[in-house]
Amino acid sequence: MARIICVANQKGGVGKTTTSVNLAAALANLDKKVLLVDMDPQGNASSGLGMKKHEFQDRTVYNLLIGEKSVEECRLQTSLPNLDIITATPDLVGAEIELVDAERREMRLKDALSTIKDEYHYILIDCPPSLGLITLNSLSAANTFLVPLQCEYFALEGLSQLLNTAGLIKKGLNTELKIEGIVLTMFDVRNNLSHQVVSEIQTHFSDKVFQAIIPRNVRLSEAPSYGQSIIQYDPKSIGAIRYMELAKELDDKVYGASEYSRLSEEPKLELERDANV
């Protein structure tokens, strides 16, 4: 049965979609069967994996949520082995209105995924930064939520909002919801503030913080424009290496030690000073 993880942060620009796409790709690269659900109307996770609109017209997560299509009809294969996707387009915004009076409106995604969750090791949900019915569906469907947190000023602002939201959902809609962990993103080894944020987050949340830290990296920024994950675009880049480490760390946590589980021994803060690699 799949671990369903919602990748979420109510603050935008924290590397949420970048983490959703590249963590999904890295897990698939570990021979794990993965489904990525794009729940952001911007559809950046979909385009970031090279999905073209003519390939999934009328078979998006919008069509799934409003009951026009089944989950089997909406899931598509990506160019990566082991990685499927349910895509999103701006039409998804309309679901908020169309489901206002619908029965079990907050549970549409959970109900749909329940029919296929035994086919995957992981189902990752790329959640929009806003709080609305789409986000409620995402968190209601998940076992856990993973929080990308940028190593910048006001980093804790979005986290506190998300934890409050998750607490409310846990009380009413999803009693099993818990935090999977915090992923530190956009780390700049040359920036003292980045080091300060890492120290503060690790002090406050200790075992909830993943060891793998994602750096600012030109290759990570370039990959989506080519419709590829960083694992495909430049597997030797520091961004790809760190997302592979994150995937191994998560997989070890969820399924236990395996031949893939050993992390790199070098300290995670000793990132290459050349951000172009």
C-alpha atoms as a PDB file:
ATOM      1  CA  MET A   1       0.000   0.000   0.000  1.00  0.00           C
ATOM      2  CA  ALA A   2       1.325   3.412  -0.977  1.00  0.00           C
ATOM      3  CA  ARG A   3       2.530   6.047   1.428  1.00  0.00           C
ATOM      4  CA  ILE A   4       0.525   9.082   0.315  1.00  0.00           C
ATOM      5  CA  ILE A   5       2.531  12.253   0.918  1.00  0.00           C
ATOM      6  CA  CYS A   6       1.274  15.775   0.340  1.00  0.00           C
ATOM      7  CA  VAL A   7       4.095  18.193  -0.501  1.00  0.00           C
ATOM      8  CA  ALA A   8       2.800  21.444   0.924  1.00  0.00           C
ATOM      9  CA  ASN A   9       3.617  24.913   2.162  1.00  0.00           C
ATOM     10  CA  GLN A  10       1.160  27.803   2.302  1.00  0.00           C
ATOM     11  CA  LYS A  11       4.017  30.156   1.457  1.00  0.00           C
ATOM     12  CA  GLY A  12       4.856  30.292  -2.246  1.00  0.00           C
ATOM     13  CA  GLY A  13       8.301  30.180  -3.816  1.00  0.00           C
ATOM     14  CA  VAL A  14       9.791  27.634  -1.433  1.00  0.00           C
ATOM     15  CA  GLY A  15      10.652  24.892  -3.932  1.00  0.00           C
ATOM     16  CA  LYS A  16       7.446  22.918  -3.450  1.00  0.00           C
ATOM     17  CA  THR A  17       6.900  21.856  -7.056  1.00  0.00           C
ATOM     18  CA  THR A  18      10.636  21.402  -7.612  1.00  0.00           C
ATOM     19  CA  THR A  19      10.666  19.026  -4.653  1.00  0.00           C
ATOM     20  CA  SER A  20       7.510  17.208  -5.770  1.00  0.00           C
ATOM     21  CA  VAL A  21       8.864  16.555  -9.260  1.00  0.00           C
ATOM     22  CA  ASN A  22      12.423  15.666  -8.344  1.00  0.00           C
ATOM     23  CA  LEU A  23      11.617  13.603  -5.270  1.00  0.00           C
ATOM     24  CA  ALA A  24       9.109  11.617  -7.338  1.00  0.00           C
ATOM     25  CA  ALA A  25      11.733  11.106 -10.051  1.00  0.00           C
ATOM     26  CA  ALA A  26      14.397  10.129  -7.529  1.00  0.00           C
ATOM     27  CA  LEU A  27      12.112   7.581  -5.877  1.00  0.00           C
ATOM     28  CA  ALA A  28      11.273   6.151  -9.302  1.00  0.00           C
ATOM     29  CA  ASN A  29      15.004   5.934  -9.944  1.00  0.00           C
ATOM     30  CA  LEU A  30      15.221   3.732  -6.843  1.00  0.00           C
ATOM     31  CA  ASP A  31      12.850   1.288  -8.562  1.00  0.00           C
ATOM     32  CA  LYS A  32       9.885   2.456  -6.514  1.00  0.00           C
ATOM     33  CA  LYS A  33       6.529   2.693  -8.249  1.00  0.00           C
ATOM     34  CA  VAL A  34       5.421   6.319  -7.904  1.00  0.00           C
ATOM     35  CA  LEU A  35       2.352   8.360  -8.798  1.00  0.00           C
ATOM     36  CA  LEU A  36       2.613  12.162  -8.807  1.00  0.00           C
ATOM     37  CA  VAL A  37      -0.688  14.024  -8.497  1.00  0.00           C
ATOM     38  CA  ASP A  38      -0.507  17.627  -9.690  1.00  0.00           C
ATOM     39  CA  MET A  39      -3.038  19.540  -7.574  1.00  0.00           C
ATOM     40  CA  ASP A  40      -1.745  23.002  -8.427  1.00  0.00           C
ATOM     41  CA  PRO A  41      -3.784  24.812 -11.119  1.00  0.00           C
ATOM     42  CA  GLN A  42      -0.566  26.263 -12.515  1.00  0.00           C
ATOM     43  CA  GLY A  43       0.304  22.746 -13.680  1.00  0.00           C
ATOM     44  CA  ASN A  44       4.039  23.263 -13.258  1.00  0.00           C
ATOM     45  CA  ALA A  45       4.639  19.719 -12.055  1.00  0.00           C
ATOM     46  CA  SER A  46       2.950  18.439 -15.207  1.00  0.00           C
ATOM     47  CA  SER A  47       4.937  20.616 -17.605  1.00  0.00           C
ATOM     48  CA  GLY A  48       8.087  20.018 -15.558  1.00  0.00           C
ATOM     49  CA  LEU A  49       7.857  16.341 -16.468  1.00  0.00           C
ATOM     50  CA  GLY A  50       7.337  17.086 -20.146  1.00  0.00           C
ATOM     51  CA  MET A  51       3.598  16.449 -20.298  1.00  0.00           C
ATOM     52  CA  LYS A  52       1.930  18.162 -23.267  1.00  0.00           C
ATOM     53  CA  LYS A  53      -1.636  19.427 -23.008  1.00  0.00           C
ATOM     54  CA  HIS A  54      -2.788  17.548 -26.109  1.00  0.00           C
ATOM     55  CA  GLU A  55      -1.724  14.319 -24.383  1.00  0.00           C
ATOM     56  CA  PHE A  56      -4.077  14.706 -21.445  1.00  0.00           C
ATOM     57  CA  GLN A  57      -6.949  16.895 -22.622  1.00  0.00           C
ATOM     58  CA  ASP A  58     -10.080  16.095 -20.578  1.00  0.00           C
ATOM     59  CA  ARG A  59      -8.114  13.585 -18.475  1.00  0.00           C
ATOM     60  CA  THR A  60      -6.776  15.854 -15.740  1.00  0.00           C
ATOM     61  CA  VAL A  61      -7.202  15.948 -11.981  1.00  0.00           C
ATOM     62  CA  TYR A  62     -10.047  18.414 -12.572  1.00  0.00           C
ATOM     63  CA  ASN A  63     -11.984  15.789 -14.536  1.00  0.00           C
ATOM     64  CA  LEU A  64     -11.219  13.310 -11.774  1.00  0.00           C
ATOM     65  CA  LEU A  65     -12.441  15.517  -8.929  1.00  0.00           C
ATOM     66  CA  ILE A  66     -15.729  16.472 -10.574  1.00  0.00           C
ATOM     67  CA  GLY A  67     -16.428  12.839 -11.425  1.00  0.00           C
ATOM     68  CA  GLU A  68     -16.150  13.001 -15.217  1.00  0.00           C
ATOM     69  CA  LYS A  69     -13.271  10.514 -15.415  1.00  0.00           C
ATOM     70  CA  SER A  70     -11.942   7.647 -13.328  1.00  0.00           C
ATOM     71  CA  VAL A  71      -8.477   7.630 -11.825  1.00  0.00           C
ATOM     72  CA  GLU A  72      -7.505   4.882 -14.258  1.00  0.00           C
ATOM     73  CA  GLU A  73      -8.432   7.163 -17.157  1.00  0.00           C
ATOM     74  CA  CYS A  74      -6.570  10.151 -15.738  1.00  0.00           C
ATOM     75  CA  ARG A  75      -3.222   8.674 -14.762  1.00  0.00           C
ATOM     76  CA  LEU A  76      -0.586   8.821 -17.471  1.00  0.00           C
ATOM     77  CA  GLN A  77       2.887   7.426 -17.929  1.00  0.00           C
ATOM     78  CA  THR A  78       5.776   9.864 -17.922  1.00  0.00           C
ATOM     79  CA  SER A  79       9.047   9.456 -19.778  1.00  0.00           C
ATOM     80  CA  LEU A  80      10.560   8.061 -16.577  1.00  0.00           C
ATOM     81  CA  PRO A  81      10.134   4.352 -15.836  1.00  0.00           C
ATOM     82  CA  ASN A  82       8.117   3.731 -12.641  1.00  0.00           C
ATOM     83  CA  LEU A  83       6.648   7.254 -12.597  1.00  0.00           C
ATOM     84  CA  ASP A  84       3.015   8.012 -13.462  1.00  0.00           C
ATOM     85  CA  ILE A  85       1.267  11.365 -13.201  1.00  0.00           C
ATOM     86  CA  ILE A  86      -2.206  12.846 -12.923  1.00  0.00           C
ATOM     87  CA  THR A  87      -1.879  16.234 -14.561  1.00  0.00           C
ATOM     88  CA  ALA A  88      -3.359  19.650 -13.807  1.00  0.00           C
ATOM     89  CA  THR A  89      -4.385  22.667 -15.872  1.00  0.00           C
ATOM     90  CA  PRO A  90      -5.865  26.048 -14.891  1.00  0.00           C
ATOM     91  CA  ASP A  91      -9.311  24.417 -15.235  1.00  0.00           C
ATOM     92  CA  LEU A  92      -8.689  22.980 -11.781  1.00  0.00           C
ATOM     93  CA  VAL A  93      -9.659  26.336 -10.272  1.00  0.00           C
ATOM     94  CA  GLY A  94     -13.199  25.634 -11.455  1.00  0.00           C
ATOM     95  CA  ALA A  95     -13.419  22.567  -9.248  1.00  0.00           C
ATOM     96  CA  GLU A  96     -13.560  24.820  -6.190  1.00  0.00           C
ATOM     97  CA  ILE A  97     -16.872  26.229  -7.466  1.00  0.00           C
ATOM     98  CA  GLU A  98     -18.333  23.070  -8.981  1.00  0.00           C
ATOM     99  CA  LEU A  99     -17.834  21.038  -5.814  1.00  0.00           C
ATOM    100  CA  VAL A 100     -19.319  23.585  -3.393  1.00  0.00           C
ATOM    101  CA  ASP A 101     -22.500  21.571  -2.870  1.00  0.00           C
ATOM    102  CA  ALA A 102     -21.096  18.152  -3.768  1.00  0.00           C
ATOM    103  CA  GLU A 103     -21.311  15.191  -1.418  1.00  0.00           C
ATOM    104  CA  ARG A 104     -17.984  14.338   0.265  1.00  0.00           C
ATOM    105  CA  ARG A 105     -16.429  17.280  -1.541  1.00  0.00           C
ATOM    106  CA  GLU A 106     -13.286  17.254   0.632  1.00  0.00           C
ATOM    107  CA  MET A 107     -12.828  13.518   0.051  1.00  0.00           C
ATOM    108  CA  ARG A 108     -12.957  13.340  -3.746  1.00  0.00           C
ATOM    109  CA  LEU A 109      -9.221  12.781  -4.154  1.00  0.00           C
ATOM    110  CA  LYS A 110      -9.014  10.329  -1.251  1.00  0.00           C
ATOM    111  CA  ASP A 111     -11.866   8.258  -2.656  1.00  0.00           C
ATOM    112  CA  ALA A 112     -10.255   8.175  -6.102  1.00  0.00           C
ATOM    113  CA  LEU A 113      -6.792   7.202  -4.870  1.00  0.00           C
ATOM    114  CA  SER A 114      -8.175   4.452  -2.641  1.00  0.00           C
ATOM    115  CA  THR A 115      -8.825   2.327  -5.730  1.00  0.00           C
ATOM    116  CA  ILE A 116      -5.179   2.344  -6.913  1.00  0.00           C
ATOM    117  CA  LYS A 117      -3.018   2.927  -3.844  1.00  0.00           C
ATOM    118  CA  ASP A 118      -2.030  -0.736  -3.680  1.00  0.00           C
ATOM    119  CA  GLU A 119      -0.316  -0.359  -7.066  1.00  0.00           C
ATOM    120  CA  TYR A 120       2.307   2.122  -5.835  1.00  0.00           C
ATOM    121  CA  HIS A 121       4.992   2.505  -3.215  1.00  0.00           C
ATOM    122  CA  TYR A 122       4.470   6.273  -3.086  1.00  0.00           C
ATOM    123  CA  ILE A 123       1.811   8.736  -4.142  1.00  0.00           C
ATOM    124  CA  LEU A 124       3.080  12.323  -3.993  1.00  0.00           C
ATOM    125  CA  ILE A 125       0.634  15.227  -4.174  1.00  0.00           C
ATOM    126  CA  ASP A 126       1.897  18.628  -5.313  1.00  0.00           C
ATOM    127  CA  CYS A 127      -0.338  20.935  -3.308  1.00  0.00           C
ATOM    128  CA  PRO A 128      -1.137  24.577  -4.190  1.00  0.00           C
ATOM    129  CA  PRO A 129       0.104  27.269  -1.782  1.00  0.00           C
ATOM    130  CA  SER A 130      -3.403  28.611  -1.152  1.00  0.00           C
ATOM    131  CA  LEU A 131      -5.884  27.249   1.371  1.00  0.00           C
ATOM    132  CA  GLY A 132      -9.066  26.078  -0.323  1.00  0.00           C
ATOM    133  CA  LEU A 133     -10.990  22.996  -1.353  1.00  0.00           C
ATOM    134  CA  ILE A 134      -8.127  21.716  -3.511  1.00  0.00           C
ATOM    135  CA  THR A 135      -5.722  21.878  -0.577  1.00  0.00           C
ATOM    136  CA  LEU A 136      -8.298  20.294   1.736  1.00  0.00           C
ATOM    137  CA  ASN A 137      -8.666  17.418  -0.737  1.00  0.00           C
ATOM    138  CA  SER A 138      -4.898  17.005  -0.868  1.00  0.00           C
ATOM    139  CA  LEU A 139      -4.372  16.907   2.896  1.00  0.00           C
ATOM    140  CA  SER A 140      -7.465  14.764   3.464  1.00  0.00           C
ATOM    141  CA  ALA A 141      -6.109  12.149   1.037  1.00  0.00           C
ATOM    142  CA  ALA A 142      -2.610  12.031   2.517  1.00  0.00           C
ATOM    143  CA  ASN A 143      -1.074   9.888   5.223  1.00  0.00           C
ATOM    144  CA  THR A 144       1.550  12.549   5.818  1.00  0.00           C
ATOM    145  CA  PHE A 145       2.697  15.951   4.591  1.00  0.00           C
ATOM    146  CA  LEU A 146       6.212  16.997   3.666  1.00  0.00           C
ATOM    147  CA  VAL A 147       7.192  20.656   3.985  1.00  0.00           C
ATOM    148  CA  PRO A 148       9.802  22.279   1.720  1.00  0.00           C
ATOM    149  CA  LEU A 149      11.260  25.212   3.638  1.00  0.00           C
ATOM    150  CA  GLN A 150      13.566  27.717   2.000  1.00  0.00           C
ATOM    151  CA  CYS A 151      16.702  28.793   3.862  1.00  0.00           C
ATOM    152  CA  GLU A 152      15.663  32.435   3.860  1.00  0.00           C
ATOM    153  CA  TYR A 153      14.165  35.112   6.091  1.00  0.00           C
ATOM    154  CA  PHE A 154      10.544  34.479   7.174  1.00  0.00           C
ATOM    155  CA  ALA A 155      10.979  30.762   6.457  1.00  0.00           C
ATOM    156  CA  LEU A 156       8.948  29.785   9.510  1.00  0.00           C
ATOM    157  CA  GLU A 157       6.003  31.957   8.495  1.00  0.00           C
ATOM    158  CA  GLY A 158       4.530  29.511   5.985  1.00  0.00           C
ATOM    159  CA  LEU A 159       5.358  26.543   8.198  1.00  0.00           C
ATOM    160  CA  SER A 160       3.358  27.840  11.155  1.00  0.00           C
ATOM    161  CA  GLN A 161       0.359  28.491   8.900  1.00  0.00           C
ATOM    162  CA  LEU A 162       0.560  24.990   7.437  1.00  0.00           C
ATOM    163  CA  LEU A 163       0.868  23.329  10.842  1.00  0.00           C
ATOM    164  CA  ASN A 164      -2.241  25.186  12.007  1.00  0.00           C
ATOM    165  CA  THR A 165      -4.141  24.086   8.899  1.00  0.00           C
ATOM    166  CA  ALA A 166      -2.979  20.486   9.279  1.00  0.00           C
ATOM    167  CA  GLY A 167      -4.067  20.523  12.912  1.00  0.00           C
ATOM    168  CA  LEU A 168      -7.577  21.561  11.936  1.00  0.00           C
ATOM    169  CA  ILE A 169      -7.758  18.896   9.219  1.00  0.00           C
ATOM    170  CA  LYS A 170      -6.509  16.252  11.641  1.00  0.00           C
ATOM    171  CA  LYS A 171      -9.351  17.105  14.030  1.00  0.00           C
ATOM    172  CA  GLY A 172     -12.090  16.930  11.437  1.00  0.00           C
ATOM    173  CA  LEU A 173     -11.241  15.351   8.092  1.00  0.00           C
ATOM    174  CA  ASN A 174      -8.162  13.154   8.468  1.00  0.00           C
ATOM    175  CA  THR A 175      -7.370  11.937  11.971  1.00  0.00           C
ATOM    176  CA  GLU A 176      -4.290  10.022  10.787  1.00  0.00           C
ATOM    177  CA  LEU A 177      -2.548  13.003   9.169  1.00  0.00           C
ATOM    178  CA  LYS A 178       0.958  13.676  10.471  1.00  0.00           C
ATOM    179  CA  ILE A 179       4.084  15.477   9.354  1.00  0.00           C
ATOM    180  CA  GLU A 180       6.527  13.421   7.276  1.00  0.00           C
ATOM    181  CA  GLY A 181       9.311  15.928   7.685  1.00  0.00           C
ATOM    182  CA  ILE A 182      10.835  19.236   6.662  1.00  0.00           C
ATOM    183  CA  VAL A 183      13.075  19.571   3.605  1.00  0.00           C
ATOM    184  CA  LEU A 184      15.396  22.569   3.638  1.00  0.00           C
ATOM    185  CA  THR A 185      15.666  24.113   0.172  1.00  0.00           C
ATOM    186  CA  MET A 186      17.468  26.961  -1.606  1.00  0.00           C
ATOM    187  CA  PHE A 187      20.511  26.628   0.636  1.00  0.00           C
ATOM    188  CA  ASP A 188      23.392  28.933  -0.292  1.00  0.00           C
ATOM    189  CA  VAL A 189      26.677  27.889   1.319  1.00  0.00           C
ATOM    190  CA  ARG A 190      28.038  31.422   0.816  1.00  0.00           C
ATOM    191  CA  ASN A 191      25.178  33.034   2.713  1.00  0.00           C
ATOM    192  CA  ASN A 192      25.381  33.292   6.507  1.00  0.00           C
ATOM    193  CA  LEU A 193      21.608  33.608   6.712  1.00  0.00           C
ATOM    194  CA  SER A 194      21.193  30.174   5.125  1.00  0.00           C
ATOM    195  CA  HIS A 195      23.351  28.646   7.843  1.00  0.00           C
ATOM    196  CA  GLN A 196      21.400  30.495  10.533  1.00  0.00           C
ATOM    197  CA  VAL A 197      18.055  29.272   9.187  1.00  0.00           C
ATOM    198  CA  VAL A 198      19.317  25.674   9.027  1.00  0.00           C
ATOM    199  CA  SER A 199      20.508  25.888  12.629  1.00  0.00           C
ATOM    200  CA  GLU A 200      17.229  27.409  13.809  1.00  0.00           C
ATOM    201  CA  ILE A 201      15.039  24.860  12.036  1.00  0.00           C
ATOM    202  CA  GLN A 202      17.134  21.933  13.250  1.00  0.00           C
ATOM    203  CA  THR A 203      16.991  23.271  16.800  1.00  0.00           C
ATOM    204  CA  HIS A 204      13.217  23.693  16.787  1.00  0.00           C
ATOM    205  CA  PHE A 205      12.236  20.558  14.853  1.00  0.00           C
ATOM    206  CA  SER A 206      15.252  18.230  15.310  1.00  0.00           C
ATOM    207  CA  ASP A 207      14.239  14.758  14.109  1.00  0.00           C
ATOM    208  CA  LYS A 208      11.585  16.149  11.743  1.00  0.00           C
ATOM    209  CA  VAL A 209      14.242  17.734   9.513  1.00  0.00           C
ATOM    210  CA  PHE A 210      15.672  15.615   6.698  1.00  0.00           C
ATOM    211  CA  GLN A 211      19.460  15.479   6.563  1.00  0.00           C
ATOM    212  CA  ALA A 212      19.550  16.056   2.811  1.00  0.00           C
ATOM    213  CA  ILE A 213      19.576  19.798   2.129  1.00  0.00           C
ATOM    214  CA  ILE A 214      18.685  21.097  -1.333  1.00  0.00           C
ATOM    215  CA  PRO A 215      20.987  23.874  -2.587  1.00  0.00           C
ATOM    216  CA  ARG A 216      20.350  26.754  -4.905  1.00  0.00           C
ATOM    217  CA  ASN A 217      21.412  25.288  -8.215  1.00  0.00           C
ATOM    218  CA  VAL A 218      21.301  26.520 -11.799  1.00  0.00           C
ATOM    219  CA  ARG A 219      20.674  23.019 -13.150  1.00  0.00           C
ATOM    220  CA  LEU A 220      17.607  22.654 -10.940  1.00  0.00           C
ATOM    221  CA  SER A 221      16.254  25.891 -12.382  1.00  0.00           C
ATOM    222  CA  GLU A 222      16.970  24.852 -15.970  1.00  0.00           C
ATOM    223  CA  ALA A 223      15.502  21.345 -15.907  1.00  0.00           C
ATOM    224  CA  PRO A 224      11.760  22.260 -16.019  1.00  0.00           C
ATOM    225  CA  SER A 225      12.209  24.281 -19.212  1.00  0.00           C
ATOM    226  CA  TYR A 226      13.331  21.044 -20.875  1.00  0.00           C
ATOM    227  CA  GLY A 227      10.401  19.089 -19.453  1.00  0.00           C
ATOM    228  CA  GLN A 228      12.713  16.934 -17.369  1.00  0.00           C
ATOM    229  CA  SER A 229      13.428  16.198 -13.745  1.00  0.00           C
ATOM    230  CA  ILE A 230      16.931  16.971 -12.553  1.00  0.00           C
ATOM    231  CA  ILE A 231      17.521  13.200 -12.412  1.00  0.00           C
ATOM    232  CA  GLN A 232      17.102  13.099 -16.193  1.00  0.00           C
ATOM    233  CA  TYR A 233      18.514  16.491 -17.089  1.00  0.00           C
ATOM    234  CA  ASP A 234      21.805  16.320 -15.204  1.00  0.00           C
ATOM    235  CA  PRO A 235      22.119  13.286 -12.906  1.00  0.00           C
ATOM    236  CA  LYS A 236      25.632  14.302 -11.835  1.00  0.00           C
ATOM    237  CA  SER A 237      24.641  17.796 -10.702  1.00  0.00           C
ATOM    238  CA  ILE A 238      24.585  18.649  -7.014  1.00  0.00           C
ATOM    239  CA  GLY A 239      20.813  19.140  -7.239  1.00  0.00           C
ATOM    240  CA  ALA A 240      20.305  15.605  -8.542  1.00  0.00           C
ATOM    241  CA  ILE A 241      22.648  14.169  -5.932  1.00  0.00           C
ATOM    242  CA  ARG A 242      20.798  15.879  -3.096  1.00  0.00           C
ATOM    243  CA  TYR A 243      17.366  14.772  -4.310  1.00  0.00           C
ATOM    244  CA  MET A 244      18.629  11.197  -4.617  1.00  0.00           C
ATOM    245  CA  GLU A 245      19.867  11.447  -1.038  1.00  0.00           C
ATOM    246  CA  LEU A 246      16.483  12.778   0.048  1.00  0.00           C
ATOM    247  CA  ALA A 247      14.725   9.902  -1.708  1.00  0.00           C
ATOM    248  CA  LYS A 248      16.990   7.343  -0.048  1.00  0.00           C
ATOM    249  CA  GLU A 249      16.451   8.953   3.334  1.00  0.00           C
ATOM    250  CA  LEU A 250      12.669   8.975   2.918  1.00  0.00           C
ATOM    251  CA  ASP A 251      12.565   5.414   1.620  1.00  0.00           C
ATOM    252  CA  ASP A 252      14.645   4.211   4.543  1.00  0.00           C
ATOM    253  CA  LYS A 253      12.236   5.931   6.914  1.00  0.00           C
ATOM    254  CA  VAL A 254       9.113   4.518   5.275  1.00  0.00           C
ATOM    255  CA  TYR A 255      10.146   1.018   4.225  1.00  0.00           C
ATOM    256  CA  GLY A 256      13.308   0.356   6.210  1.00  0.00           C
ATOM    257  CA  ALA A 257      16.901  -0.190   5.185  1.00  0.00           C
ATOM    258  CA  SER A 258      17.561  -1.495   1.703  1.00  0.00           C
ATOM    259  CA  GLU A 259      20.434  -1.667  -0.729  1.00  0.00           C
ATOM    260  CA  TYR A 260      19.595   1.930  -1.671  1.00  0.00           C
ATOM    261  CA  SER A 261      19.274   3.315   1.837  1.00  0.00           C
ATOM    262  CA  ARG A 262      22.799   4.337   2.738  1.00  0.00           C
ATOM    263  CA  LEU A 263      23.269   8.086   2.500  1.00  0.00           C
ATOM    264  CA  SER A 264      26.398   9.782   1.335  1.00  0.00           C
ATOM    265  CA  GLU A 265      28.809  10.147   4.216  1.00  0.00           C
ATOM    266  CA  GLU A 266      29.879  13.729   3.568  1.00  0.00           C
ATOM    267  CA  PRO A 267      28.162  16.429   5.665  1.00  0.00           C
ATOM    268  CA  LYS A 268      25.129  17.806   3.855  1.00  0.00           C
ATOM    269  CA  LEU A 269      26.204  21.417   4.355  1.00  0.00           C
ATOM    270  CA  GLU A 270      29.437  20.933   2.451  1.00  0.00           C
ATOM    271  CA  LEU A 271      27.833  21.792  -0.841  1.00  0.00           C
ATOM    272  CA  GLU A 272      29.826  22.774  -3.888  1.00  0.00           C
ATOM    273  CA  ARG A 273      30.514  26.469  -3.928  1.00  0.00           C
ATOM    274  CA  ASP A 274      29.911  26.593  -7.644  1.00  0.00           C
ATOM    275  CA  ALA A 275      26.132  26.807  -7.892  1.00  0.00           C
ATOM    276  CA  ASN A 276      26.307  26.093 -11.613  1.00  0.00           C
ATOM    277  CA  VAL A 277      27.031  22.386 -11.198  1.00  0.00           C
END
